[in-house]
Amino acid sequence: MPTIKLTTEAFKEQIFNYDTHQDWAYKGSLPAIIDFYADWCGPCKMVAPILEELAEEYAGKINIYKIDTEAELELAQVFGIQSIPSLLFIDANGRPMMQPGAFPKSTFKKVIEEHLLNPPKETNEQ
């Protein structure tokens, strides 16, 4: 499955509707990576084929989305995107983690295997 381009409306339907919820509530059933990018961004162009490969490799296990920050200004603003690429990782428990920067495929695979597919268990520390 290739990466999925998201509009603001699709994001609200499939990921999280920040108009109706104040606290994060992930709507998806699979872990996800959301790539905030722009067509003119050099590092974004380097990351794009890696994300396409990972989308194929992990089809059915994670979803990989792309959000064009130039076209979806509202989403970029809501998430406070100041540098691109910025990646929103959402683990199997629906917890989000934003990380700016371009990464090599090995780093993405490590994050997917160690954090997205096998997130640490929630603990009630006293």
PDB file of N, CA and C in Angstrom:
ATOM      1  N   MET A   1       0.846  -1.178   0.000  1.00  0.00           N
ATOM      2  CA  MET A   1       0.000   0.000   0.000  1.00  0.00           C
ATOM      3  C   MET A   1       0.893   1.244   0.000  1.00  0.00           C
ATOM      4  N   PRO A   2       0.666   2.164  -0.905  1.00  0.00           N
ATOM      5  CA  PRO A   2       1.504   3.370  -0.942  1.00  0.00           C
ATOM      6  C   PRO A   2       1.167   4.322   0.207  1.00  0.00           C
ATOM      7  N   THR A   3       1.983   5.356   0.353  1.00  0.00           N
ATOM      8  CA  THR A   3       1.670   6.367   1.358  1.00  0.00           C
ATOM      9  C   THR A   3       0.352   7.038   0.978  1.00  0.00           C
ATOM     10  N   ILE A   4      -0.330   7.581   1.969  1.00  0.00           N
ATOM     11  CA  ILE A   4      -1.656   8.158   1.779  1.00  0.00           C
ATOM     12  C   ILE A   4      -1.579   9.666   2.015  1.00  0.00           C
ATOM     13  N   LYS A   5      -1.975  10.448   1.012  1.00  0.00           N
ATOM     14  CA  LYS A   5      -2.008  11.906   1.178  1.00  0.00           C
ATOM     15  C   LYS A   5      -3.247  12.297   1.958  1.00  0.00           C
ATOM     16  N   LEU A   6      -3.066  13.161   2.946  1.00  0.00           N
ATOM     17  CA  LEU A   6      -4.189  13.600   3.767  1.00  0.00           C
ATOM     18  C   LEU A   6      -4.465  15.086   3.591  1.00  0.00           C
ATOM     19  N   THR A   7      -5.751  15.410   3.498  1.00  0.00           N
ATOM     20  CA  THR A   7      -6.186  16.794   3.565  1.00  0.00           C
ATOM     21  C   THR A   7      -6.562  17.055   5.031  1.00  0.00           C
ATOM     22  N   THR A   8      -6.846  18.282   5.346  1.00  0.00           N
ATOM     23  CA  THR A   8      -7.269  18.610   6.709  1.00  0.00           C
ATOM     24  C   THR A   8      -8.537  17.840   7.073  1.00  0.00           C
ATOM     25  N   GLU A   9      -9.499  17.797   6.152  1.00  0.00           N
ATOM     26  CA  GLU A   9     -10.756  17.086   6.426  1.00  0.00           C
ATOM     27  C   GLU A   9     -10.513  15.589   6.624  1.00  0.00           C
ATOM     28  N   ALA A  10      -9.690  14.987   5.775  1.00  0.00           N
ATOM     29  CA  ALA A  10      -9.396  13.554   5.910  1.00  0.00           C
ATOM     30  C   ALA A  10      -8.672  13.284   7.229  1.00  0.00           C
ATOM     31  N   PHE A  11      -7.778  14.190   7.618  1.00  0.00           N
ATOM     32  CA  PHE A  11      -7.075  14.047   8.894  1.00  0.00           C
ATOM     33  C   PHE A  11      -8.081  14.004  10.044  1.00  0.00           C
ATOM     34  N   LYS A  12      -9.034  14.920  10.024  1.00  0.00           N
ATOM     35  CA  LYS A  12     -10.038  14.977  11.091  1.00  0.00           C
ATOM     36  C   LYS A  12     -10.901  13.718  11.116  1.00  0.00           C
ATOM     37  N   GLU A  13     -11.183  13.146   9.942  1.00  0.00           N
ATOM     38  CA  GLU A  13     -12.006  11.934   9.858  1.00  0.00           C
ATOM     39  C   GLU A  13     -11.230  10.679  10.265  1.00  0.00           C
ATOM     40  N   GLN A  14      -9.970  10.579   9.844  1.00  0.00           N
ATOM     41  CA  GLN A  14      -9.222   9.330  10.003  1.00  0.00           C
ATOM     42  C   GLN A  14      -8.229   9.310  11.160  1.00  0.00           C
ATOM     43  N   ILE A  15      -7.731  10.481  11.569  1.00  0.00           N
ATOM     44  CA  ILE A  15      -6.663  10.511  12.568  1.00  0.00           C
ATOM     45  C   ILE A  15      -7.142  11.100  13.889  1.00  0.00           C
ATOM     46  N   PHE A  16      -7.514  12.377  13.870  1.00  0.00           N
ATOM     47  CA  PHE A  16      -7.913  13.060  15.098  1.00  0.00           C
ATOM     48  C   PHE A  16      -8.668  14.326  14.737  1.00  0.00           C
ATOM     49  N   ASN A  17      -9.851  14.492  15.338  1.00  0.00           N
ATOM     50  CA  ASN A  17     -10.629  15.699  15.076  1.00  0.00           C
ATOM     51  C   ASN A  17     -10.406  16.686  16.223  1.00  0.00           C
ATOM     52  N   TYR A  18      -9.502  17.628  15.992  1.00  0.00           N
ATOM     53  CA  TYR A  18      -9.162  18.611  17.023  1.00  0.00           C
ATOM     54  C   TYR A  18     -10.257  19.669  17.198  1.00  0.00           C
ATOM     55  N   ASP A  19     -11.270  19.677  16.310  1.00  0.00           N
ATOM     56  CA  ASP A  19     -12.389  20.596  16.480  1.00  0.00           C
ATOM     57  C   ASP A  19     -13.348  20.100  17.561  1.00  0.00           C
ATOM     58  N   THR A  20     -13.453  18.777  17.705  1.00  0.00           N
ATOM     59  CA  THR A  20     -14.413  18.210  18.656  1.00  0.00           C
ATOM     60  C   THR A  20     -13.760  17.654  19.919  1.00  0.00           C
ATOM     61  N   HIS A  21     -12.453  17.440  19.918  1.00  0.00           N
ATOM     62  CA  HIS A  21     -11.745  16.899  21.089  1.00  0.00           C
ATOM     63  C   HIS A  21     -10.555  17.776  21.443  1.00  0.00           C
ATOM     64  N   GLN A  22     -10.404  18.052  22.723  1.00  0.00           N
ATOM     65  CA  GLN A  22      -9.236  18.807  23.171  1.00  0.00           C
ATOM     66  C   GLN A  22      -8.063  17.860  23.409  1.00  0.00           C
ATOM     67  N   ASP A  23      -8.344  16.717  24.037  1.00  0.00           N
ATOM     68  CA  ASP A  23      -7.293  15.739  24.319  1.00  0.00           C
ATOM     69  C   ASP A  23      -7.132  14.805  23.137  1.00  0.00           C
ATOM     70  N   TRP A  24      -5.889  14.454  22.846  1.00  0.00           N
ATOM     71  CA  TRP A  24      -5.560  13.569  21.741  1.00  0.00           C
ATOM     72  C   TRP A  24      -6.342  12.274  21.839  1.00  0.00           C
ATOM     73  N   ALA A  25      -6.996  11.875  20.754  1.00  0.00           N
ATOM     74  CA  ALA A  25      -7.735  10.618  20.678  1.00  0.00           C
ATOM     75  C   ALA A  25      -7.580  10.085  19.251  1.00  0.00           C
ATOM     76  N   TYR A  26      -6.617   9.206  19.047  1.00  0.00           N
ATOM     77  CA  TYR A  26      -6.327   8.656  17.725  1.00  0.00           C
ATOM     78  C   TYR A  26      -7.468   7.772  17.257  1.00  0.00           C
ATOM     79  N   LYS A  27      -7.952   8.013  16.033  1.00  0.00           N
ATOM     80  CA  LYS A  27      -9.075   7.260  15.475  1.00  0.00           C
ATOM     81  C   LYS A  27      -8.648   6.000  14.729  1.00  0.00           C
ATOM     82  N   GLY A  28      -7.378   5.910  14.379  1.00  0.00           N
ATOM     83  CA  GLY A  28      -6.912   4.785  13.571  1.00  0.00           C
ATOM     84  C   GLY A  28      -6.796   3.496  14.355  1.00  0.00           C
ATOM     85  N   SER A  29      -6.731   2.387  13.629  1.00  0.00           N
ATOM     86  CA  SER A  29      -6.593   1.082  14.274  1.00  0.00           C
ATOM     87  C   SER A  29      -5.168   0.549  14.156  1.00  0.00           C
ATOM     88  N   LEU A  30      -4.366   1.141  13.266  1.00  0.00           N
ATOM     89  CA  LEU A  30      -2.973   0.721  13.093  1.00  0.00           C
ATOM     90  C   LEU A  30      -2.038   1.847  13.508  1.00  0.00           C
ATOM     91  N   PRO A  31      -0.825   1.507  13.960  1.00  0.00           N
ATOM     92  CA  PRO A  31       0.167   2.550  14.205  1.00  0.00           C
ATOM     93  C   PRO A  31       0.369   3.344  12.913  1.00  0.00           C
ATOM     94  N   ALA A  32       0.884   4.568  13.051  1.00  0.00           N
ATOM     95  CA  ALA A  32       1.013   5.416  11.871  1.00  0.00           C
ATOM     96  C   ALA A  32       2.240   6.314  11.944  1.00  0.00           C
ATOM     97  N   ILE A  33       2.677   6.724  10.766  1.00  0.00           N
ATOM     98  CA  ILE A  33       3.672   7.778  10.623  1.00  0.00           C
ATOM     99  C   ILE A  33       3.020   8.831   9.731  1.00  0.00           C
ATOM    100  N   ILE A  34       3.055  10.078  10.172  1.00  0.00           N
ATOM    101  CA  ILE A  34       2.511  11.167   9.370  1.00  0.00           C
ATOM    102  C   ILE A  34       3.656  12.107   9.040  1.00  0.00           C
ATOM    103  N   ASP A  35       3.916  12.253   7.747  1.00  0.00           N
ATOM    104  CA  ASP A  35       5.017  13.068   7.245  1.00  0.00           C
ATOM    105  C   ASP A  35       4.484  14.439   6.855  1.00  0.00           C
ATOM    106  N   PHE A  36       4.894  15.472   7.588  1.00  0.00           N
ATOM    107  CA  PHE A  36       4.573  16.851   7.227  1.00  0.00           C
ATOM    108  C   PHE A  36       5.702  17.325   6.320  1.00  0.00           C
ATOM    109  N   TYR A  37       5.383  17.647   5.068  1.00  0.00           N
ATOM    110  CA  TYR A  37       6.409  17.944   4.069  1.00  0.00           C
ATOM    111  C   TYR A  37       5.985  19.103   3.171  1.00  0.00           C
ATOM    112  N   ALA A  38       6.894  19.509   2.289  1.00  0.00           N
ATOM    113  CA  ALA A  38       6.588  20.462   1.215  1.00  0.00           C
ATOM    114  C   ALA A  38       7.336  20.002  -0.031  1.00  0.00           C
ATOM    115  N   ASP A  39       6.746  20.258  -1.192  1.00  0.00           N
ATOM    116  CA  ASP A  39       7.351  19.801  -2.454  1.00  0.00           C
ATOM    117  C   ASP A  39       8.729  20.407  -2.714  1.00  0.00           C
ATOM    118  N   TRP A  40       8.980  21.628  -2.226  1.00  0.00           N
ATOM    119  CA  TRP A  40      10.245  22.313  -2.495  1.00  0.00           C
ATOM    120  C   TRP A  40      11.360  21.915  -1.528  1.00  0.00           C
ATOM    121  N   CYS A  41      11.040  21.126  -0.519  1.00  0.00           N
ATOM    122  CA  CYS A  41      11.980  20.785   0.561  1.00  0.00           C
ATOM    123  C   CYS A  41      12.913  19.635   0.165  1.00  0.00           C
ATOM    124  N   GLY A  42      14.216  19.910   0.117  1.00  0.00           N
ATOM    125  CA  GLY A  42      15.211  18.897  -0.252  1.00  0.00           C
ATOM    126  C   GLY A  42      15.197  17.669   0.655  1.00  0.00           C
ATOM    127  N   PRO A  43      15.307  17.837   1.994  1.00  0.00           N
ATOM    128  CA  PRO A  43      15.275  16.673   2.888  1.00  0.00           C
ATOM    129  C   PRO A  43      13.966  15.890   2.771  1.00  0.00           C
ATOM    130  N   CYS A  44      12.859  16.587   2.488  1.00  0.00           N
ATOM    131  CA  CYS A  44      11.565  15.905   2.313  1.00  0.00           C
ATOM    132  C   CYS A  44      11.627  14.970   1.099  1.00  0.00           C
ATOM    133  N   LYS A  45      12.289  15.439   0.043  1.00  0.00           N
ATOM    134  CA  LYS A  45      12.425  14.630  -1.175  1.00  0.00           C
ATOM    135  C   LYS A  45      13.290  13.402  -0.920  1.00  0.00           C
ATOM    136  N   MET A  46      14.250  13.514   0.006  1.00  0.00           N
ATOM    137  CA  MET A  46      15.089  12.359   0.352  1.00  0.00           C
ATOM    138  C   MET A  46      14.296  11.327   1.159  1.00  0.00           C
ATOM    139  N   VAL A  47      13.408  11.804   2.017  1.00  0.00           N
ATOM    140  CA  VAL A  47      12.623  10.915   2.885  1.00  0.00           C
ATOM    141  C   VAL A  47      11.490  10.224   2.125  1.00  0.00           C
ATOM    142  N   ALA A  48      10.926  10.902   1.121  1.00  0.00           N
ATOM    143  CA  ALA A  48       9.738  10.380   0.412  1.00  0.00           C
ATOM    144  C   ALA A  48       9.896   8.943  -0.099  1.00  0.00           C
ATOM    145  N   PRO A  49      10.979   8.608  -0.842  1.00  0.00           N
ATOM    146  CA  PRO A  49      11.074   7.222  -1.327  1.00  0.00           C
ATOM    147  C   PRO A  49      11.268   6.206  -0.199  1.00  0.00           C
ATOM    148  N   ILE A  50      11.900   6.622   0.888  1.00  0.00           N
ATOM    149  CA  ILE A  50      12.069   5.728   2.047  1.00  0.00           C
ATOM    150  C   ILE A  50      10.694   5.408   2.635  1.00  0.00           C
ATOM    151  N   LEU A  51       9.859   6.427   2.780  1.00  0.00           N
ATOM    152  CA  LEU A  51       8.520   6.205   3.328  1.00  0.00           C
ATOM    153  C   LEU A  51       7.672   5.333   2.399  1.00  0.00           C
ATOM    154  N   GLU A  52       7.850   5.511   1.080  1.00  0.00           N
ATOM    155  CA  GLU A  52       7.126   4.649   0.123  1.00  0.00           C
ATOM    156  C   GLU A  52       7.542   3.191   0.299  1.00  0.00           C
ATOM    157  N   GLU A  53       8.856   2.947   0.433  1.00  0.00           N
ATOM    158  CA  GLU A  53       9.355   1.574   0.644  1.00  0.00           C
ATOM    159  C   GLU A  53       8.797   0.994   1.935  1.00  0.00           C
ATOM    160  N   LEU A  54       8.809   1.799   2.994  1.00  0.00           N
ATOM    161  CA  LEU A  54       8.309   1.322   4.293  1.00  0.00           C
ATOM    162  C   LEU A  54       6.810   1.059   4.244  1.00  0.00           C
ATOM    163  N   ALA A  55       6.070   1.870   3.489  1.00  0.00           N
ATOM    164  CA  ALA A  55       4.623   1.659   3.350  1.00  0.00           C
ATOM    165  C   ALA A  55       4.356   0.291   2.720  1.00  0.00           C
ATOM    166  N   GLU A  56       5.175  -0.081   1.732  1.00  0.00           N
ATOM    167  CA  GLU A  56       5.033  -1.403   1.095  1.00  0.00           C
ATOM    168  C   GLU A  56       5.453  -2.516   2.060  1.00  0.00           C
ATOM    169  N   GLU A  57       6.602  -2.308   2.708  1.00  0.00           N
ATOM    170  CA  GLU A  57       7.173  -3.313   3.604  1.00  0.00           C
ATOM    171  C   GLU A  57       6.264  -3.617   4.796  1.00  0.00           C
ATOM    172  N   TYR A  58       5.628  -2.593   5.331  1.00  0.00           N
ATOM    173  CA  TYR A  58       4.797  -2.752   6.524  1.00  0.00           C
ATOM    174  C   TYR A  58       3.303  -2.644   6.224  1.00  0.00           C
ATOM    175  N   ALA A  59       2.918  -2.902   4.980  1.00  0.00           N
ATOM    176  CA  ALA A  59       1.508  -2.846   4.587  1.00  0.00           C
ATOM    177  C   ALA A  59       0.685  -3.746   5.509  1.00  0.00           C
ATOM    178  N   GLY A  60      -0.419  -3.219   6.013  1.00  0.00           N
ATOM    179  CA  GLY A  60      -1.276  -3.989   6.910  1.00  0.00           C
ATOM    180  C   GLY A  60      -0.837  -3.934   8.360  1.00  0.00           C
ATOM    181  N   LYS A  61       0.373  -3.394   8.619  1.00  0.00           N
ATOM    182  CA  LYS A  61       0.877  -3.289   9.992  1.00  0.00           C
ATOM    183  C   LYS A  61       0.911  -1.847  10.481  1.00  0.00           C
ATOM    184  N   ILE A  62       1.271  -0.925   9.569  1.00  0.00           N
ATOM    185  CA  ILE A  62       1.234   0.499   9.899  1.00  0.00           C
ATOM    186  C   ILE A  62       0.720   1.268   8.678  1.00  0.00           C
ATOM    187  N   ASN A  63       0.220   2.463   8.921  1.00  0.00           N
ATOM    188  CA  ASN A  63      -0.172   3.353   7.827  1.00  0.00           C
ATOM    189  C   ASN A  63       0.811   4.510   7.785  1.00  0.00           C
ATOM    190  N   ILE A  64       1.171   4.915   6.587  1.00  0.00           N
ATOM    191  CA  ILE A  64       2.056   6.057   6.422  1.00  0.00           C
ATOM    192  C   ILE A  64       1.309   7.115   5.613  1.00  0.00           C
ATOM    193  N   TYR A  65       1.172   8.281   6.232  1.00  0.00           N
ATOM    194  CA  TYR A  65       0.435   9.396   5.641  1.00  0.00           C
ATOM    195  C   TYR A  65       1.384  10.533   5.309  1.00  0.00           C
ATOM    196  N   LYS A  66       0.971  11.371   4.363  1.00  0.00           N
ATOM    197  CA  LYS A  66       1.732  12.559   3.983  1.00  0.00           C
ATOM    198  C   LYS A  66       0.801  13.758   4.022  1.00  0.00           C
ATOM    199  N   ILE A  67       1.307  14.853   4.601  1.00  0.00           N
ATOM    200  CA  ILE A  67       0.539  16.095   4.643  1.00  0.00           C
ATOM    201  C   ILE A  67       1.405  17.197   4.054  1.00  0.00           C
ATOM    202  N   ASP A  68       0.924  17.780   2.962  1.00  0.00           N
ATOM    203  CA  ASP A  68       1.616  18.886   2.298  1.00  0.00           C
ATOM    204  C   ASP A  68       1.350  20.151   3.110  1.00  0.00           C
ATOM    205  N   THR A  69       2.375  20.656   3.784  1.00  0.00           N
ATOM    206  CA  THR A  69       2.201  21.809   4.667  1.00  0.00           C
ATOM    207  C   THR A  69       1.847  23.082   3.906  1.00  0.00           C
ATOM    208  N   GLU A  70       2.163  23.119   2.617  1.00  0.00           N
ATOM    209  CA  GLU A  70       1.811  24.284   1.801  1.00  0.00           C
ATOM    210  C   GLU A  70       0.311  24.294   1.493  1.00  0.00           C
ATOM    211  N   ALA A  71      -0.243  23.115   1.243  1.00  0.00           N
ATOM    212  CA  ALA A  71      -1.666  23.004   0.905  1.00  0.00           C
ATOM    213  C   ALA A  71      -2.541  22.938   2.152  1.00  0.00           C
ATOM    214  N   GLU A  72      -2.000  22.409   3.232  1.00  0.00           N
ATOM    215  CA  GLU A  72      -2.783  22.208   4.463  1.00  0.00           C
ATOM    216  C   GLU A  72      -2.217  23.072   5.582  1.00  0.00           C
ATOM    217  N   LEU A  73      -2.330  24.383   5.390  1.00  0.00           N
ATOM    218  CA  LEU A  73      -1.773  25.341   6.351  1.00  0.00           C
ATOM    219  C   LEU A  73      -2.377  25.193   7.747  1.00  0.00           C
ATOM    220  N   GLU A  74      -3.666  24.885   7.802  1.00  0.00           N
ATOM    221  CA  GLU A  74      -4.330  24.740   9.105  1.00  0.00           C
ATOM    222  C   GLU A  74      -3.694  23.618   9.916  1.00  0.00           C
ATOM    223  N   LEU A  75      -3.472  22.463   9.294  1.00  0.00           N
ATOM    224  CA  LEU A  75      -2.856  21.342  10.001  1.00  0.00           C
ATOM    225  C   LEU A  75      -1.440  21.686  10.457  1.00  0.00           C
ATOM    226  N   ALA A  76      -0.684  22.329   9.584  1.00  0.00           N
ATOM    227  CA  ALA A  76       0.677  22.712   9.943  1.00  0.00           C
ATOM    228  C   ALA A  76       0.658  23.646  11.153  1.00  0.00           C
ATOM    229  N   GLN A  77      -0.324  24.534  11.193  1.00  0.00           N
ATOM    230  CA  GLN A  77      -0.455  25.472  12.295  1.00  0.00           C
ATOM    231  C   GLN A  77      -0.880  24.768  13.583  1.00  0.00           C
ATOM    232  N   VAL A  78      -1.863  23.879  13.489  1.00  0.00           N
ATOM    233  CA  VAL A  78      -2.359  23.149  14.652  1.00  0.00           C
ATOM    234  C   VAL A  78      -1.229  22.365  15.316  1.00  0.00           C
ATOM    235  N   PHE A  79      -0.353  21.778  14.507  1.00  0.00           N
ATOM    236  CA  PHE A  79       0.747  20.973  15.046  1.00  0.00           C
ATOM    237  C   PHE A  79       2.026  21.782  15.268  1.00  0.00           C
ATOM    238  N   GLY A  80       1.957  23.073  15.008  1.00  0.00           N
ATOM    239  CA  GLY A  80       3.112  23.930  15.256  1.00  0.00           C
ATOM    240  C   GLY A  80       4.330  23.551  14.436  1.00  0.00           C
ATOM    241  N   ILE A  81       4.115  23.142  13.194  1.00  0.00           N
ATOM    242  CA  ILE A  81       5.225  22.723  12.337  1.00  0.00           C
ATOM    243  C   ILE A  81       6.073  23.944  11.998  1.00  0.00           C
ATOM    244  N   GLN A  82       7.335  23.905  12.401  1.00  0.00           N
ATOM    245  CA  GLN A  82       8.243  25.010  12.119  1.00  0.00           C
ATOM    246  C   GLN A  82       9.384  24.587  11.211  1.00  0.00           C
ATOM    247  N   SER A  83       9.653  23.283  11.172  1.00  0.00           N
ATOM    248  CA  SER A  83      10.682  22.796  10.250  1.00  0.00           C
ATOM    249  C   SER A  83      10.148  21.534   9.580  1.00  0.00           C
ATOM    250  N   ILE A  84      10.542  21.350   8.338  1.00  0.00           N
ATOM    251  CA  ILE A  84      10.105  20.155   7.615  1.00  0.00           C
ATOM    252  C   ILE A  84      11.332  19.446   7.060  1.00  0.00           C
ATOM    253  N   PRO A  85      11.274  18.136   6.922  1.00  0.00           N
ATOM    254  CA  PRO A  85      10.121  17.327   7.322  1.00  0.00           C
ATOM    255  C   PRO A  85       9.980  17.255   8.846  1.00  0.00           C
ATOM    256  N   SER A  86       8.752  17.136   9.287  1.00  0.00           N
ATOM    257  CA  SER A  86       8.435  16.804  10.675  1.00  0.00           C
ATOM    258  C   SER A  86       7.567  15.565  10.605  1.00  0.00           C
ATOM    259  N   LEU A  87       7.838  14.639  11.494  1.00  0.00           N
ATOM    260  CA  LEU A  87       7.130  13.363  11.462  1.00  0.00           C
ATOM    261  C   LEU A  87       6.391  13.137  12.764  1.00  0.00           C
ATOM    262  N   LEU A  88       5.125  12.766  12.624  1.00  0.00           N
ATOM    263  CA  LEU A  88       4.311  12.418  13.780  1.00  0.00           C
ATOM    264  C   LEU A  88       4.213  10.894  13.802  1.00  0.00           C
ATOM    265  N   PHE A  89       4.786  10.293  14.837  1.00  0.00           N
ATOM    266  CA  PHE A  89       4.731   8.840  15.007  1.00  0.00           C
ATOM    267  C   PHE A  89       3.610   8.539  15.993  1.00  0.00           C
ATOM    268  N   ILE A  90       2.749   7.581  15.641  1.00  0.00           N
ATOM    269  CA  ILE A  90       1.644   7.185  16.520  1.00  0.00           C
ATOM    270  C   ILE A  90       1.775   5.687  16.768  1.00  0.00           C
ATOM    271  N   ASP A  91       1.987   5.307  18.040  1.00  0.00           N
ATOM    272  CA  ASP A  91       2.225   3.892  18.341  1.00  0.00           C
ATOM    273  C   ASP A  91       0.931   3.087  18.402  1.00  0.00           C
ATOM    274  N   ALA A  92       1.057   1.782  18.656  1.00  0.00           N
ATOM    275  CA  ALA A  92      -0.087   0.872  18.669  1.00  0.00           C
ATOM    276  C   ALA A  92      -1.104   1.234  19.751  1.00  0.00           C
ATOM    277  N   ASN A  93      -0.667   1.977  20.767  1.00  0.00           N
ATOM    278  CA  ASN A  93      -1.578   2.427  21.818  1.00  0.00           C
ATOM    279  C   ASN A  93      -2.194   3.781  21.493  1.00  0.00           C
ATOM    280  N   GLY A  94      -1.854   4.336  20.308  1.00  0.00           N
ATOM    281  CA  GLY A  94      -2.417   5.605  19.881  1.00  0.00           C
ATOM    282  C   GLY A  94      -1.705   6.832  20.426  1.00  0.00           C
ATOM    283  N   ARG A  95      -0.536   6.620  21.066  1.00  0.00           N
ATOM    284  CA  ARG A  95       0.207   7.761  21.620  1.00  0.00           C
ATOM    285  C   ARG A  95       1.029   8.442  20.532  1.00  0.00           C
ATOM    286  N   PRO A  96       0.948   9.783  20.457  1.00  0.00           N
ATOM    287  CA  PRO A  96       1.694  10.528  19.439  1.00  0.00           C
ATOM    288  C   PRO A  96       3.080  10.963  19.924  1.00  0.00           C
ATOM    289  N   MET A  97       4.014  11.067  18.972  1.00  0.00           N
ATOM    290  CA  MET A  97       5.344  11.586  19.261  1.00  0.00           C
ATOM    291  C   MET A  97       5.820  12.342  18.025  1.00  0.00           C
ATOM    292  N   MET A  98       6.021  13.643  18.142  1.00  0.00           N
ATOM    293  CA  MET A  98       6.465  14.462  17.007  1.00  0.00           C
ATOM    294  C   MET A  98       7.985  14.517  16.993  1.00  0.00           C
ATOM    295  N   GLN A  99       8.562  14.374  15.804  1.00  0.00           N
ATOM    296  CA  GLN A  99      10.004  14.405  15.659  1.00  0.00           C
ATOM    297  C   GLN A  99      10.360  15.134  14.372  1.00  0.00           C
ATOM    298  N   PRO A 100      11.063  16.276  14.466  1.00  0.00           N
ATOM    299  CA  PRO A 100      11.490  16.954  13.239  1.00  0.00           C
ATOM    300  C   PRO A 100      12.727  16.289  12.652  1.00  0.00           C
ATOM    301  N   GLY A 101      12.894  16.392  11.335  1.00  0.00           N
ATOM    302  CA  GLY A 101      14.115  15.915  10.695  1.00  0.00           C
ATOM    303  C   GLY A 101      13.910  14.781   9.728  1.00  0.00           C
ATOM    304  N   ALA A 102      14.927  14.601   8.884  1.00  0.00           N
ATOM    305  CA  ALA A 102      14.943  13.501   7.917  1.00  0.00           C
ATOM    306  C   ALA A 102      15.803  12.381   8.491  1.00  0.00           C
ATOM    307  N   PHE A 103      15.346  11.149   8.347  1.00  0.00           N
ATOM    308  CA  PHE A 103      16.063  10.014   8.915  1.00  0.00           C
ATOM    309  C   PHE A 103      16.382   8.986   7.845  1.00  0.00           C
ATOM    310  N   PRO A 104      17.457   8.212   8.043  1.00  0.00           N
ATOM    311  CA  PRO A 104      17.718   7.104   7.122  1.00  0.00           C
ATOM    312  C   PRO A 104      16.709   5.972   7.374  1.00  0.00           C
ATOM    313  N   LYS A 105      16.604   5.089   6.413  1.00  0.00           N
ATOM    314  CA  LYS A 105      15.641   3.984   6.509  1.00  0.00           C
ATOM    315  C   LYS A 105      15.872   3.155   7.775  1.00  0.00           C
ATOM    316  N   SER A 106      17.123   2.937   8.137  1.00  0.00           N
ATOM    317  CA  SER A 106      17.424   2.113   9.323  1.00  0.00           C
ATOM    318  C   SER A 106      16.810   2.728  10.589  1.00  0.00           C
ATOM    319  N   THR A 107      16.827   4.043  10.697  1.00  0.00           N
ATOM    320  CA  THR A 107      16.245   4.713  11.867  1.00  0.00           C
ATOM    321  C   THR A 107      14.732   4.552  11.872  1.00  0.00           C
ATOM    322  N   PHE A 108      14.107   4.737  10.710  1.00  0.00           N
ATOM    323  CA  PHE A 108      12.652   4.537  10.625  1.00  0.00           C
ATOM    324  C   PHE A 108      12.297   3.104  11.037  1.00  0.00           C
ATOM    325  N   LYS A 109      13.040   2.123  10.528  1.00  0.00           N
ATOM    326  CA  LYS A 109      12.746   0.723  10.848  1.00  0.00           C
ATOM    327  C   LYS A 109      12.876   0.464  12.346  1.00  0.00           C
ATOM    328  N   LYS A 110      13.889   1.060  12.959  1.00  0.00           N
ATOM    329  CA  LYS A 110      14.093   0.877  14.401  1.00  0.00           C
ATOM    330  C   LYS A 110      12.912   1.467  15.171  1.00  0.00           C
ATOM    331  N   VAL A 111      12.489   2.663  14.807  1.00  0.00           N
ATOM    332  CA  VAL A 111      11.344   3.297  15.473  1.00  0.00           C
ATOM    333  C   VAL A 111      10.080   2.457  15.268  1.00  0.00           C
ATOM    334  N   ILE A 112       9.872   1.982  14.041  1.00  0.00           N
ATOM    335  CA  ILE A 112       8.684   1.162  13.753  1.00  0.00           C
ATOM    336  C   ILE A 112       8.690  -0.103  14.609  1.00  0.00           C
ATOM    337  N   GLU A 113       9.805  -0.831  14.591  1.00  0.00           N
ATOM    338  CA  GLU A 113       9.882  -2.110  15.310  1.00  0.00           C
ATOM    339  C   GLU A 113       9.836  -1.937  16.830  1.00  0.00           C
ATOM    340  N   GLU A 114      10.579  -0.950  17.356  1.00  0.00           N
ATOM    341  CA  GLU A 114      10.719  -0.821  18.805  1.00  0.00           C
ATOM    342  C   GLU A 114       9.643   0.023  19.465  1.00  0.00           C
ATOM    343  N   HIS A 115       9.070   0.968  18.726  1.00  0.00           N
ATOM    344  CA  HIS A 115       8.127   1.887  19.371  1.00  0.00           C
ATOM    345  C   HIS A 115       6.716   1.823  18.809  1.00  0.00           C
ATOM    346  N   LEU A 116       6.582   1.708  17.480  1.00  0.00           N
ATOM    347  CA  LEU A 116       5.237   1.720  16.907  1.00  0.00           C
ATOM    348  C   LEU A 116       4.540   0.371  17.031  1.00  0.00           C
ATOM    349  N   LEU A 117       5.230  -0.686  16.625  1.00  0.00           N
ATOM    350  CA  LEU A 117       4.602  -2.013  16.658  1.00  0.00           C
ATOM    351  C   LEU A 117       4.629  -2.629  18.055  1.00  0.00           C
ATOM    352  N   ASN A 118       5.646  -2.291  18.845  1.00  0.00           N
ATOM    353  CA  ASN A 118       5.803  -2.863  20.186  1.00  0.00           C
ATOM    354  C   ASN A 118       6.022  -1.755  21.206  1.00  0.00           C
ATOM    355  N   PRO A 119       4.996  -0.930  21.413  1.00  0.00           N
ATOM    356  CA  PRO A 119       5.188   0.188  22.340  1.00  0.00           C
ATOM    357  C   PRO A 119       5.368  -0.304  23.770  1.00  0.00           C
ATOM    358  N   PRO A 120       6.085   0.469  24.577  1.00  0.00           N
ATOM    359  CA  PRO A 120       6.220   0.077  25.981  1.00  0.00           C
ATOM    360  C   PRO A 120       4.846   0.065  26.642  1.00  0.00           C
ATOM    361  N   LYS A 121       4.681  -0.838  27.567  1.00  0.00           N
ATOM    362  CA  LYS A 121       3.403  -0.944  28.281  1.00  0.00           C
ATOM    363  C   LYS A 121       3.227   0.279  29.163  1.00  0.00           C
ATOM    364  N   GLU A 122       1.969   0.657  29.353  1.00  0.00           N
ATOM    365  CA  GLU A 122       1.665   1.776  30.247  1.00  0.00           C
ATOM    366  C   GLU A 122       1.936   1.298  31.674  1.00  0.00           C
ATOM    367  N   THR A 123       2.599   2.141  32.436  1.00  0.00           N
ATOM    368  CA  THR A 123       2.844   1.799  33.826  1.00  0.00           C
ATOM    369  C   THR A 123       2.240   2.878  34.716  1.00  0.00           C
ATOM    370  N   ASN A 124       1.776   2.465  35.856  1.00  0.00           N
ATOM    371  CA  ASN A 124       1.239   3.392  36.848  1.00  0.00           C
ATOM    372  C   ASN A 124       2.280   3.583  37.928  1.00  0.00           C
ATOM    373  N   GLU A 125       3.220   4.463  37.658  1.00  0.00           N
ATOM    374  CA  GLU A 125       4.278   4.679  38.634  1.00  0.00           C
ATOM    375  C   GLU A 125       3.764   5.567  39.761  1.00  0.00           C
ATOM    376  N   GLN A 126       4.075   5.173  40.986  1.00  0.00           N
ATOM    377  CA  GLN A 126       3.615   5.913  42.166  1.00  0.00           C
ATOM    378  C   GLN A 126       4.682   6.878  42.619  1.00  0.00           C
TER     379      GLN A 126
END
